[in-house]
Amino acid sequence: GAFLTEQSLVEAFARFGVVVAARIPRKAQTREPHNFAFVSFLAREDAERVSRMAKVAVEITPEWKLELKPRLAKLGNVMDKRSPVRAGPSDDEWAGHDWVHLCKR
């Protein structure tokens, strides 16, 4: 939870492709982090490849790694409160969207 940072997510997932952004949503009232996060890849293929992995270890300290379960985020349904973000000009309609949803299990 509170020990996980966006920077540690970027570092852990950069080995799978170009990471555009990482975000850990926080609870509105307490500002505590939720038990999930989002990682955006530049290439959809990288996000899809990571989403098929059983788990990804994120280093908190050299002795402590947190294992997260990645899956593709569903973007654009009626209940979705996130907005897609473009990484830059591209003909690829998926470029720069939040694609990987991480759950601590």
PDB file of N, CA and C in Angstrom:
ATOM      1  N   GLY A   1       0.760  -1.176   0.000  1.00  0.00           N
ATOM      2  CA  GLY A   1       0.000   0.000   0.000  1.00  0.00           C
ATOM      3  C   GLY A   1       0.811   1.255   0.000  1.00  0.00           C
ATOM      4  N   ALA A   2       1.017   1.828   1.153  1.00  0.00           N
ATOM      5  CA  ALA A   2       1.618   3.152   1.271  1.00  0.00           C
ATOM      6  C   ALA A   2       3.084   3.175   0.863  1.00  0.00           C
ATOM      7  N   PHE A   3       3.752   2.034   0.816  1.00  0.00           N
ATOM      8  CA  PHE A   3       5.168   1.999   0.455  1.00  0.00           C
ATOM      9  C   PHE A   3       5.382   1.958  -1.058  1.00  0.00           C
ATOM     10  N   LEU A   4       4.365   1.607  -1.797  1.00  0.00           N
ATOM     11  CA  LEU A   4       4.452   1.536  -3.242  1.00  0.00           C
ATOM     12  C   LEU A   4       4.377   2.950  -3.822  1.00  0.00           C
ATOM     13  N   THR A   5       5.257   3.271  -4.763  1.00  0.00           N
ATOM     14  CA  THR A   5       5.249   4.598  -5.386  1.00  0.00           C
ATOM     15  C   THR A   5       5.079   4.467  -6.896  1.00  0.00           C
ATOM     16  N   GLU A   6       4.667   5.562  -7.520  1.00  0.00           N
ATOM     17  CA  GLU A   6       4.567   5.577  -8.974  1.00  0.00           C
ATOM     18  C   GLU A   6       5.939   5.312  -9.604  1.00  0.00           C
ATOM     19  N   GLN A   7       6.987   5.861  -9.009  1.00  0.00           N
ATOM     20  CA  GLN A   7       8.332   5.667  -9.535  1.00  0.00           C
ATOM     21  C   GLN A   7       8.731   4.185  -9.508  1.00  0.00           C
ATOM     22  N   SER A   8       8.391   3.480  -8.423  1.00  0.00           N
ATOM     23  CA  SER A   8       8.732   2.054  -8.358  1.00  0.00           C
ATOM     24  C   SER A   8       7.959   1.258  -9.404  1.00  0.00           C
ATOM     25  N   LEU A   9       6.736   1.676  -9.714  1.00  0.00           N
ATOM     26  CA  LEU A   9       5.967   1.020 -10.776  1.00  0.00           C
ATOM     27  C   LEU A   9       6.626   1.246 -12.138  1.00  0.00           C
ATOM     28  N   VAL A  10       7.023   2.487 -12.402  1.00  0.00           N
ATOM     29  CA  VAL A  10       7.679   2.798 -13.674  1.00  0.00           C
ATOM     30  C   VAL A  10       8.941   1.959 -13.819  1.00  0.00           C
ATOM     31  N   GLU A  11       9.755   1.908 -12.775  1.00  0.00           N
ATOM     32  CA  GLU A  11      11.003   1.145 -12.835  1.00  0.00           C
ATOM     33  C   GLU A  11      10.749  -0.346 -13.057  1.00  0.00           C
ATOM     34  N   ALA A  12       9.749  -0.902 -12.394  1.00  0.00           N
ATOM     35  CA  ALA A  12       9.459  -2.336 -12.524  1.00  0.00           C
ATOM     36  C   ALA A  12       8.915  -2.689 -13.904  1.00  0.00           C
ATOM     37  N   PHE A  13       8.069  -1.841 -14.467  1.00  0.00           N
ATOM     38  CA  PHE A  13       7.405  -2.171 -15.722  1.00  0.00           C
ATOM     39  C   PHE A  13       8.168  -1.696 -16.952  1.00  0.00           C
ATOM     40  N   ALA A  14       9.171  -0.847 -16.785  1.00  0.00           N
ATOM     41  CA  ALA A  14       9.951  -0.353 -17.926  1.00  0.00           C
ATOM     42  C   ALA A  14      10.705  -1.477 -18.621  1.00  0.00           C
ATOM     43  N   ARG A  15      10.942  -2.585 -17.944  1.00  0.00           N
ATOM     44  CA  ARG A  15      11.638  -3.696 -18.598  1.00  0.00           C
ATOM     45  C   ARG A  15      10.760  -4.405 -19.621  1.00  0.00           C
ATOM     46  N   PHE A  16       9.463  -4.088 -19.626  1.00  0.00           N
ATOM     47  CA  PHE A  16       8.534  -4.716 -20.573  1.00  0.00           C
ATOM     48  C   PHE A  16       8.183  -3.813 -21.750  1.00  0.00           C
ATOM     49  N   GLY A  17       8.592  -2.544 -21.698  1.00  0.00           N
ATOM     50  CA  GLY A  17       8.291  -1.599 -22.770  1.00  0.00           C
ATOM     51  C   GLY A  17       8.352  -0.179 -22.235  1.00  0.00           C
ATOM     52  N   VAL A  18       8.089   0.784 -23.107  1.00  0.00           N
ATOM     53  CA  VAL A  18       8.138   2.197 -22.715  1.00  0.00           C
ATOM     54  C   VAL A  18       6.917   2.527 -21.874  1.00  0.00           C
ATOM     55  N   VAL A  19       7.160   2.930 -20.626  1.00  0.00           N
ATOM     56  CA  VAL A  19       6.083   3.305 -19.708  1.00  0.00           C
ATOM     57  C   VAL A  19       5.872   4.811 -19.820  1.00  0.00           C
ATOM     58  N   VAL A  20       4.644   5.214 -20.131  1.00  0.00           N
ATOM     59  CA  VAL A  20       4.309   6.624 -20.275  1.00  0.00           C
ATOM     60  C   VAL A  20       3.980   7.231 -18.915  1.00  0.00           C
ATOM     61  N   ALA A  21       3.277   6.476 -18.067  1.00  0.00           N
ATOM     62  CA  ALA A  21       2.873   6.995 -16.761  1.00  0.00           C
ATOM     63  C   ALA A  21       2.483   5.847 -15.846  1.00  0.00           C
ATOM     64  N   ALA A  22       2.516   6.122 -14.565  1.00  0.00           N
ATOM     65  CA  ALA A  22       2.015   5.191 -13.552  1.00  0.00           C
ATOM     66  C   ALA A  22       1.222   6.017 -12.548  1.00  0.00           C
ATOM     67  N   ARG A  23       0.127   5.444 -12.064  1.00  0.00           N
ATOM     68  CA  ARG A  23      -0.725   6.192 -11.136  1.00  0.00           C
ATOM     69  C   ARG A  23      -1.278   5.256 -10.078  1.00  0.00           C
ATOM     70  N   ILE A  24      -1.215   5.688  -8.843  1.00  0.00           N
ATOM     71  CA  ILE A  24      -1.825   4.977  -7.720  1.00  0.00           C
ATOM     72  C   ILE A  24      -2.954   5.867  -7.207  1.00  0.00           C
ATOM     73  N   PRO A  25      -4.203   5.510  -7.488  1.00  0.00           N
ATOM     74  CA  PRO A  25      -5.320   6.328  -7.018  1.00  0.00           C
ATOM     75  C   PRO A  25      -5.382   6.358  -5.487  1.00  0.00           C
ATOM     76  N   ARG A  26      -5.862   7.472  -4.957  1.00  0.00           N
ATOM     77  CA  ARG A  26      -5.985   7.634  -3.506  1.00  0.00           C
ATOM     78  C   ARG A  26      -7.440   7.856  -3.126  1.00  0.00           C
ATOM     79  N   LYS A  27      -7.768   7.429  -1.911  1.00  0.00           N
ATOM     80  CA  LYS A  27      -9.121   7.618  -1.388  1.00  0.00           C
ATOM     81  C   LYS A  27      -9.336   9.108  -1.138  1.00  0.00           C
ATOM     82  N   ALA A  28     -10.495   9.603  -1.523  1.00  0.00           N
ATOM     83  CA  ALA A  28     -10.775  11.036  -1.446  1.00  0.00           C
ATOM     84  C   ALA A  28     -10.705  11.585  -0.024  1.00  0.00           C
ATOM     85  N   GLN A  29     -11.245  10.888   0.928  1.00  0.00           N
ATOM     86  CA  GLN A  29     -11.322  11.407   2.300  1.00  0.00           C
ATOM     87  C   GLN A  29     -10.014  11.272   3.070  1.00  0.00           C
ATOM     88  N   THR A  30      -9.361  10.123   2.962  1.00  0.00           N
ATOM     89  CA  THR A  30      -8.188   9.848   3.794  1.00  0.00           C
ATOM     90  C   THR A  30      -6.863  10.038   3.064  1.00  0.00           C
ATOM     91  N   ARG A  31      -6.910  10.124   1.730  1.00  0.00           N
ATOM     92  CA  ARG A  31      -5.710  10.217   0.887  1.00  0.00           C
ATOM     93  C   ARG A  31      -4.841   8.960   0.967  1.00  0.00           C
ATOM     94  N   GLU A  32      -5.362   7.891   1.556  1.00  0.00           N
ATOM     95  CA  GLU A  32      -4.652   6.608   1.572  1.00  0.00           C
ATOM     96  C   GLU A  32      -4.704   6.004   0.169  1.00  0.00           C
ATOM     97  N   PRO A  33      -3.646   5.286  -0.227  1.00  0.00           N
ATOM     98  CA  PRO A  33      -3.676   4.669  -1.555  1.00  0.00           C
ATOM     99  C   PRO A  33      -4.661   3.501  -1.604  1.00  0.00           C
ATOM    100  N   HIS A  34      -5.316   3.364  -2.750  1.00  0.00           N
ATOM    101  CA  HIS A  34      -6.161   2.189  -2.987  1.00  0.00           C
ATOM    102  C   HIS A  34      -5.251   0.975  -3.156  1.00  0.00           C
ATOM    103  N   ASN A  35      -5.844  -0.215  -3.220  1.00  0.00           N
ATOM    104  CA  ASN A  35      -5.038  -1.432  -3.392  1.00  0.00           C
ATOM    105  C   ASN A  35      -4.905  -1.805  -4.874  1.00  0.00           C
ATOM    106  N   PHE A  36      -4.916  -0.801  -5.743  1.00  0.00           N
ATOM    107  CA  PHE A  36      -4.699  -1.030  -7.167  1.00  0.00           C
ATOM    108  C   PHE A  36      -3.974   0.184  -7.751  1.00  0.00           C
ATOM    109  N   ALA A  37      -3.451   0.004  -8.957  1.00  0.00           N
ATOM    110  CA  ALA A  37      -2.724   1.075  -9.640  1.00  0.00           C
ATOM    111  C   ALA A  37      -2.891   0.907 -11.136  1.00  0.00           C
ATOM    112  N   PHE A  38      -2.444   1.896 -11.894  1.00  0.00           N
ATOM    113  CA  PHE A  38      -2.500   1.848 -13.354  1.00  0.00           C
ATOM    114  C   PHE A  38      -1.124   2.174 -13.915  1.00  0.00           C
ATOM    115  N   VAL A  39      -0.736   1.440 -14.942  1.00  0.00           N
ATOM    116  CA  VAL A  39       0.509   1.705 -15.657  1.00  0.00           C
ATOM    117  C   VAL A  39       0.143   1.864 -17.129  1.00  0.00           C
ATOM    118  N   SER A  40       0.586   2.961 -17.728  1.00  0.00           N
ATOM    119  CA  SER A  40       0.313   3.218 -19.146  1.00  0.00           C
ATOM    120  C   SER A  40       1.564   2.958 -19.962  1.00  0.00           C
ATOM    121  N   PHE A  41       1.411   2.140 -20.995  1.00  0.00           N
ATOM    122  CA  PHE A  41       2.505   1.850 -21.920  1.00  0.00           C
ATOM    123  C   PHE A  41       2.298   2.635 -23.206  1.00  0.00           C
ATOM    124  N   LEU A  42       3.385   2.949 -23.874  1.00  0.00           N
ATOM    125  CA  LEU A  42       3.302   3.626 -25.166  1.00  0.00           C
ATOM    126  C   LEU A  42       2.722   2.682 -26.214  1.00  0.00           C
ATOM    127  N   ALA A  43       3.124   1.410 -26.171  1.00  0.00           N
ATOM    128  CA  ALA A  43       2.662   0.431 -27.160  1.00  0.00           C
ATOM    129  C   ALA A  43       1.638  -0.517 -26.545  1.00  0.00           C
ATOM    130  N   ARG A  44       0.538  -0.681 -27.234  1.00  0.00           N
ATOM    131  CA  ARG A  44      -0.520  -1.581 -26.775  1.00  0.00           C
ATOM    132  C   ARG A  44      -0.003  -3.011 -26.612  1.00  0.00           C
ATOM    133  N   GLU A  45       0.883  -3.435 -27.516  1.00  0.00           N
ATOM    134  CA  GLU A  45       1.414  -4.798 -27.472  1.00  0.00           C
ATOM    135  C   GLU A  45       2.148  -5.069 -26.163  1.00  0.00           C
ATOM    136  N   ASP A  46       2.872  -4.074 -25.661  1.00  0.00           N
ATOM    137  CA  ASP A  46       3.585  -4.237 -24.389  1.00  0.00           C
ATOM    138  C   ASP A  46       2.601  -4.431 -23.242  1.00  0.00           C
ATOM    139  N   ALA A  47       1.554  -3.640 -23.237  1.00  0.00           N
ATOM    140  CA  ALA A  47       0.538  -3.767 -22.189  1.00  0.00           C
ATOM    141  C   ALA A  47      -0.146  -5.129 -22.255  1.00  0.00           C
ATOM    142  N   GLU A  48      -0.458  -5.580 -23.464  1.00  0.00           N
ATOM    143  CA  GLU A  48      -1.107  -6.882 -23.619  1.00  0.00           C
ATOM    144  C   GLU A  48      -0.198  -8.015 -23.141  1.00  0.00           C
ATOM    145  N   ARG A  49       1.104  -7.917 -23.466  1.00  0.00           N
ATOM    146  CA  ARG A  49       2.055  -8.949 -23.033  1.00  0.00           C
ATOM    147  C   ARG A  49       2.148  -8.994 -21.507  1.00  0.00           C
ATOM    148  N   VAL A  50       2.236  -7.846 -20.872  1.00  0.00           N
ATOM    149  CA  VAL A  50       2.322  -7.797 -19.408  1.00  0.00           C
ATOM    150  C   VAL A  50       1.035  -8.329 -18.785  1.00  0.00           C
ATOM    151  N   SER A  51      -0.107  -8.032 -19.391  1.00  0.00           N
ATOM    152  CA  SER A  51      -1.383  -8.458 -18.807  1.00  0.00           C
ATOM    153  C   SER A  51      -1.534  -9.976 -18.777  1.00  0.00           C
ATOM    154  N   ARG A  52      -0.774 -10.682 -19.607  1.00  0.00           N
ATOM    155  CA  ARG A  52      -0.842 -12.149 -19.617  1.00  0.00           C
ATOM    156  C   ARG A  52       0.063 -12.783 -18.560  1.00  0.00           C
ATOM    157  N   MET A  53       0.869 -11.976 -17.886  1.00  0.00           N
ATOM    158  CA  MET A  53       1.765 -12.508 -16.855  1.00  0.00           C
ATOM    159  C   MET A  53       0.987 -12.784 -15.572  1.00  0.00           C
ATOM    160  N   ALA A  54       1.376 -13.809 -14.861  1.00  0.00           N
ATOM    161  CA  ALA A  54       0.699 -14.160 -13.609  1.00  0.00           C
ATOM    162  C   ALA A  54       0.963 -13.117 -12.528  1.00  0.00           C
ATOM    163  N   LYS A  55       2.190 -12.587 -12.494  1.00  0.00           N
ATOM    164  CA  LYS A  55       2.527 -11.563 -11.506  1.00  0.00           C
ATOM    165  C   LYS A  55       3.794 -10.843 -11.934  1.00  0.00           C
ATOM    166  N   VAL A  56       3.951  -9.634 -11.408  1.00  0.00           N
ATOM    167  CA  VAL A  56       5.144  -8.824 -11.641  1.00  0.00           C
ATOM    168  C   VAL A  56       5.621  -8.337 -10.280  1.00  0.00           C
ATOM    169  N   ALA A  57       6.902  -8.533 -10.000  1.00  0.00           N
ATOM    170  CA  ALA A  57       7.470  -8.102  -8.724  1.00  0.00           C
ATOM    171  C   ALA A  57       7.938  -6.650  -8.834  1.00  0.00           C
ATOM    172  N   VAL A  58       7.519  -5.837  -7.864  1.00  0.00           N
ATOM    173  CA  VAL A  58       7.924  -4.431  -7.786  1.00  0.00           C
ATOM    174  C   VAL A  58       8.796  -4.285  -6.548  1.00  0.00           C
ATOM    175  N   GLU A  59      10.013  -3.780  -6.748  1.00  0.00           N
ATOM    176  CA  GLU A  59      10.947  -3.645  -5.630  1.00  0.00           C
ATOM    177  C   GLU A  59      10.584  -2.437  -4.766  1.00  0.00           C
ATOM    178  N   ILE A  60      10.348  -2.703  -3.480  1.00  0.00           N
ATOM    179  CA  ILE A  60      10.090  -1.643  -2.503  1.00  0.00           C
ATOM    180  C   ILE A  60      11.412  -1.259  -1.842  1.00  0.00           C
ATOM    181  N   THR A  61      12.155  -2.264  -1.406  1.00  0.00           N
ATOM    182  CA  THR A  61      13.528  -2.116  -0.905  1.00  0.00           C
ATOM    183  C   THR A  61      14.323  -3.260  -1.528  1.00  0.00           C
ATOM    184  N   PRO A  62      15.658  -3.235  -1.424  1.00  0.00           N
ATOM    185  CA  PRO A  62      16.418  -4.358  -1.997  1.00  0.00           C
ATOM    186  C   PRO A  62      16.014  -5.723  -1.434  1.00  0.00           C
ATOM    187  N   GLU A  63      15.506  -5.755  -0.217  1.00  0.00           N
ATOM    188  CA  GLU A  63      15.112  -7.024   0.403  1.00  0.00           C
ATOM    189  C   GLU A  63      13.613  -7.322   0.288  1.00  0.00           C
ATOM    190  N   TRP A  64      12.820  -6.350  -0.160  1.00  0.00           N
ATOM    191  CA  TRP A  64      11.367  -6.507  -0.127  1.00  0.00           C
ATOM    192  C   TRP A  64      10.776  -6.193  -1.496  1.00  0.00           C
ATOM    193  N   LYS A  65      10.090  -7.184  -2.064  1.00  0.00           N
ATOM    194  CA  LYS A  65       9.414  -7.010  -3.343  1.00  0.00           C
ATOM    195  C   LYS A  65       7.925  -7.288  -3.159  1.00  0.00           C
ATOM    196  N   LEU A  66       7.119  -6.502  -3.791  1.00  0.00           N
ATOM    197  CA  LEU A  66       5.669  -6.651  -3.746  1.00  0.00           C
ATOM    198  C   LEU A  66       5.226  -7.248  -5.074  1.00  0.00           C
ATOM    199  N   GLU A  67       4.488  -8.364  -5.034  1.00  0.00           N
ATOM    200  CA  GLU A  67       4.018  -9.007  -6.260  1.00  0.00           C
ATOM    201  C   GLU A  67       2.625  -8.491  -6.604  1.00  0.00           C
ATOM    202  N   LEU A  68       2.489  -8.029  -7.852  1.00  0.00           N
ATOM    203  CA  LEU A  68       1.230  -7.483  -8.334  1.00  0.00           C
ATOM    204  C   LEU A  68       0.709  -8.320  -9.490  1.00  0.00           C
ATOM    205  N   LYS A  69      -0.604  -8.438  -9.594  1.00  0.00           N
ATOM    206  CA  LYS A  69      -1.249  -9.177 -10.678  1.00  0.00           C
ATOM    207  C   LYS A  69      -1.708  -8.178 -11.734  1.00  0.00           C
ATOM    208  N   PRO A  70      -1.082  -8.196 -12.909  1.00  0.00           N
ATOM    209  CA  PRO A  70      -1.510  -7.275 -13.973  1.00  0.00           C
ATOM    210  C   PRO A  70      -2.673  -7.836 -14.786  1.00  0.00           C
ATOM    211  N   ARG A  71      -3.509  -6.932 -15.296  1.00  0.00           N
ATOM    212  CA  ARG A  71      -4.562  -7.286 -16.249  1.00  0.00           C
ATOM    213  C   ARG A  71      -4.893  -6.042 -17.049  1.00  0.00           C
ATOM    214  N   LEU A  72      -5.426  -6.213 -18.226  1.00  0.00           N
ATOM    215  CA  LEU A  72      -5.780  -5.066 -19.050  1.00  0.00           C
ATOM    216  C   LEU A  72      -6.921  -4.300 -18.400  1.00  0.00           C
ATOM    217  N   ALA A  73      -6.787  -3.000 -18.362  1.00  0.00           N
ATOM    218  CA  ALA A  73      -7.862  -2.157 -17.826  1.00  0.00           C
ATOM    219  C   ALA A  73      -8.950  -2.047 -18.876  1.00  0.00           C
ATOM    220  N   LYS A  74     -10.176  -2.007 -18.417  1.00  0.00           N
ATOM    221  CA  LYS A  74     -11.298  -1.777 -19.321  1.00  0.00           C
ATOM    222  C   LYS A  74     -11.511  -0.268 -19.349  1.00  0.00           C
ATOM    223  N   LEU A  75     -11.278   0.320 -20.483  1.00  0.00           N
ATOM    224  CA  LEU A  75     -11.362   1.767 -20.607  1.00  0.00           C
ATOM    225  C   LEU A  75     -12.577   2.142 -21.437  1.00  0.00           C
ATOM    226  N   GLY A  76     -13.366   3.057 -20.915  1.00  0.00           N
ATOM    227  CA  GLY A  76     -14.446   3.602 -21.709  1.00  0.00           C
ATOM    228  C   GLY A  76     -15.824   3.045 -21.422  1.00  0.00           C
ATOM    229  N   ASN A  77     -15.968   2.169 -20.404  1.00  0.00           N
ATOM    230  CA  ASN A  77     -17.331   1.723 -20.120  1.00  0.00           C
ATOM    231  C   ASN A  77     -18.049   2.802 -19.308  1.00  0.00           C
ATOM    232  N   VAL A  78     -19.326   2.663 -19.098  1.00  0.00           N
ATOM    233  CA  VAL A  78     -20.147   3.686 -18.467  1.00  0.00           C
ATOM    234  C   VAL A  78     -19.667   4.031 -17.059  1.00  0.00           C
ATOM    235  N   MET A  79     -19.165   3.050 -16.308  1.00  0.00           N
ATOM    236  CA  MET A  79     -18.764   3.286 -14.924  1.00  0.00           C
ATOM    237  C   MET A  79     -17.316   3.777 -14.795  1.00  0.00           C
ATOM    238  N   ASP A  80     -16.577   3.849 -15.881  1.00  0.00           N
ATOM    239  CA  ASP A  80     -15.169   4.216 -15.835  1.00  0.00           C
ATOM    240  C   ASP A  80     -15.016   5.703 -15.560  1.00  0.00           C
ATOM    241  N   LYS A  81     -14.270   6.042 -14.514  1.00  0.00           N
ATOM    242  CA  LYS A  81     -14.068   7.437 -14.133  1.00  0.00           C
ATOM    243  C   LYS A  81     -12.748   7.996 -14.684  1.00  0.00           C
ATOM    244  N   ARG A  82     -11.942   7.145 -15.329  1.00  0.00           N
ATOM    245  CA  ARG A  82     -10.658   7.600 -15.854  1.00  0.00           C
ATOM    246  C   ARG A  82     -10.831   8.192 -17.242  1.00  0.00           C
ATOM    247  N   SER A  83      -9.920   9.045 -17.608  1.00  0.00           N
ATOM    248  CA  SER A  83      -9.912   9.612 -18.951  1.00  0.00           C
ATOM    249  C   SER A  83      -8.686   9.116 -19.694  1.00  0.00           C
ATOM    250  N   PRO A  84      -8.832   8.729 -20.952  1.00  0.00           N
ATOM    251  CA  PRO A  84      -7.657   8.319 -21.714  1.00  0.00           C
ATOM    252  C   PRO A  84      -6.750   9.519 -21.943  1.00  0.00           C
ATOM    253  N   VAL A  85      -5.451   9.281 -21.930  1.00  0.00           N
ATOM    254  CA  VAL A  85      -4.475  10.343 -22.123  1.00  0.00           C
ATOM    255  C   VAL A  85      -3.585   9.963 -23.291  1.00  0.00           C
ATOM    256  N   ARG A  86      -3.433  10.834 -24.247  1.00  0.00           N
ATOM    257  CA  ARG A  86      -2.561  10.587 -25.395  1.00  0.00           C
ATOM    258  C   ARG A  86      -1.120  10.909 -25.005  1.00  0.00           C
ATOM    259  N   ALA A  87      -0.217  10.048 -25.399  1.00  0.00           N
ATOM    260  CA  ALA A  87       1.200  10.275 -25.112  1.00  0.00           C
ATOM    261  C   ALA A  87       1.798  11.254 -26.113  1.00  0.00           C
ATOM    262  N   GLY A  88       1.176  11.401 -27.238  1.00  0.00           N
ATOM    263  CA  GLY A  88       1.679  12.291 -28.277  1.00  0.00           C
ATOM    264  C   GLY A  88       0.930  12.028 -29.553  1.00  0.00           C
ATOM    265  N   PRO A  89       1.262  12.727 -30.611  1.00  0.00           N
ATOM    266  CA  PRO A  89       0.544  12.506 -31.871  1.00  0.00           C
ATOM    267  C   PRO A  89       0.788  11.091 -32.387  1.00  0.00           C
ATOM    268  N   SER A  90      -0.293  10.416 -32.754  1.00  0.00           N
ATOM    269  CA  SER A  90      -0.177   9.043 -33.230  1.00  0.00           C
ATOM    270  C   SER A  90      -1.435   8.669 -33.992  1.00  0.00           C
ATOM    271  N   ASP A  91      -1.272   7.810 -34.983  1.00  0.00           N
ATOM    272  CA  ASP A  91      -2.427   7.286 -35.706  1.00  0.00           C
ATOM    273  C   ASP A  91      -3.056   6.125 -34.956  1.00  0.00           C
ATOM    274  N   ASP A  92      -2.334   5.591 -33.969  1.00  0.00           N
ATOM    275  CA  ASP A  92      -2.825   4.455 -33.185  1.00  0.00           C
ATOM    276  C   ASP A  92      -3.805   4.967 -32.146  1.00  0.00           C
ATOM    277  N   GLU A  93      -5.083   4.593 -32.273  1.00  0.00           N
ATOM    278  CA  GLU A  93      -6.101   5.094 -31.347  1.00  0.00           C
ATOM    279  C   GLU A  93      -5.865   4.648 -29.906  1.00  0.00           C
ATOM    280  N   TRP A  94      -5.038   3.625 -29.684  1.00  0.00           N
ATOM    281  CA  TRP A  94      -4.805   3.116 -28.332  1.00  0.00           C
ATOM    282  C   TRP A  94      -3.572   3.730 -27.680  1.00  0.00           C
ATOM    283  N   ALA A  95      -2.779   4.489 -28.403  1.00  0.00           N
ATOM    284  CA  ALA A  95      -1.498   5.001 -27.896  1.00  0.00           C
ATOM    285  C   ALA A  95      -1.699   5.860 -26.653  1.00  0.00           C
ATOM    286  N   GLY A  96      -0.939   5.546 -25.611  1.00  0.00           N
ATOM    287  CA  GLY A  96      -0.924   6.378 -24.423  1.00  0.00           C
ATOM    288  C   GLY A  96      -2.089   6.221 -23.478  1.00  0.00           C
ATOM    289  N   HIS A  97      -2.911   5.213 -23.648  1.00  0.00           N
ATOM    290  CA  HIS A  97      -4.027   5.002 -22.728  1.00  0.00           C
ATOM    291  C   HIS A  97      -3.577   4.210 -21.502  1.00  0.00           C
ATOM    292  N   ASP A  98      -4.315   4.340 -20.416  1.00  0.00           N
ATOM    293  CA  ASP A  98      -4.080   3.470 -19.262  1.00  0.00           C
ATOM    294  C   ASP A  98      -4.483   2.072 -19.689  1.00  0.00           C
ATOM    295  N   TRP A  99      -3.509   1.172 -19.692  1.00  0.00           N
ATOM    296  CA  TRP A  99      -3.802  -0.163 -20.185  1.00  0.00           C
ATOM    297  C   TRP A  99      -3.671  -1.247 -19.162  1.00  0.00           C
ATOM    298  N   VAL A 100      -2.756  -1.129 -18.239  1.00  0.00           N
ATOM    299  CA  VAL A 100      -2.566  -2.222 -17.309  1.00  0.00           C
ATOM    300  C   VAL A 100      -3.079  -1.820 -15.938  1.00  0.00           C
ATOM    301  N   HIS A 101      -3.975  -2.614 -15.417  1.00  0.00           N
ATOM    302  CA  HIS A 101      -4.562  -2.409 -14.102  1.00  0.00           C
ATOM    303  C   HIS A 101      -3.903  -3.420 -13.177  1.00  0.00           C
ATOM    304  N   LEU A 102      -3.319  -2.958 -12.082  1.00  0.00           N
ATOM    305  CA  LEU A 102      -2.586  -3.830 -11.172  1.00  0.00           C
ATOM    306  C   LEU A 102      -3.363  -4.023  -9.880  1.00  0.00           C
ATOM    307  N   CYS A 103      -3.415  -5.233  -9.411  1.00  0.00           N
ATOM    308  CA  CYS A 103      -4.099  -5.524  -8.152  1.00  0.00           C
ATOM    309  C   CYS A 103      -3.137  -6.211  -7.203  1.00  0.00           C
ATOM    310  N   LYS A 104      -3.134  -5.761  -5.971  1.00  0.00           N
ATOM    311  CA  LYS A 104      -2.337  -6.434  -4.945  1.00  0.00           C
ATOM    312  C   LYS A 104      -3.197  -7.565  -4.412  1.00  0.00           C
ATOM    313  N   ARG A 105      -2.740  -8.793  -4.541  1.00  0.00           N
ATOM    314  CA  ARG A 105      -3.516  -9.957  -4.091  1.00  0.00           C
ATOM    315  C   ARG A 105      -2.763 -10.717  -3.040  1.00  0.00           C
TER     316      ARG A 105
END
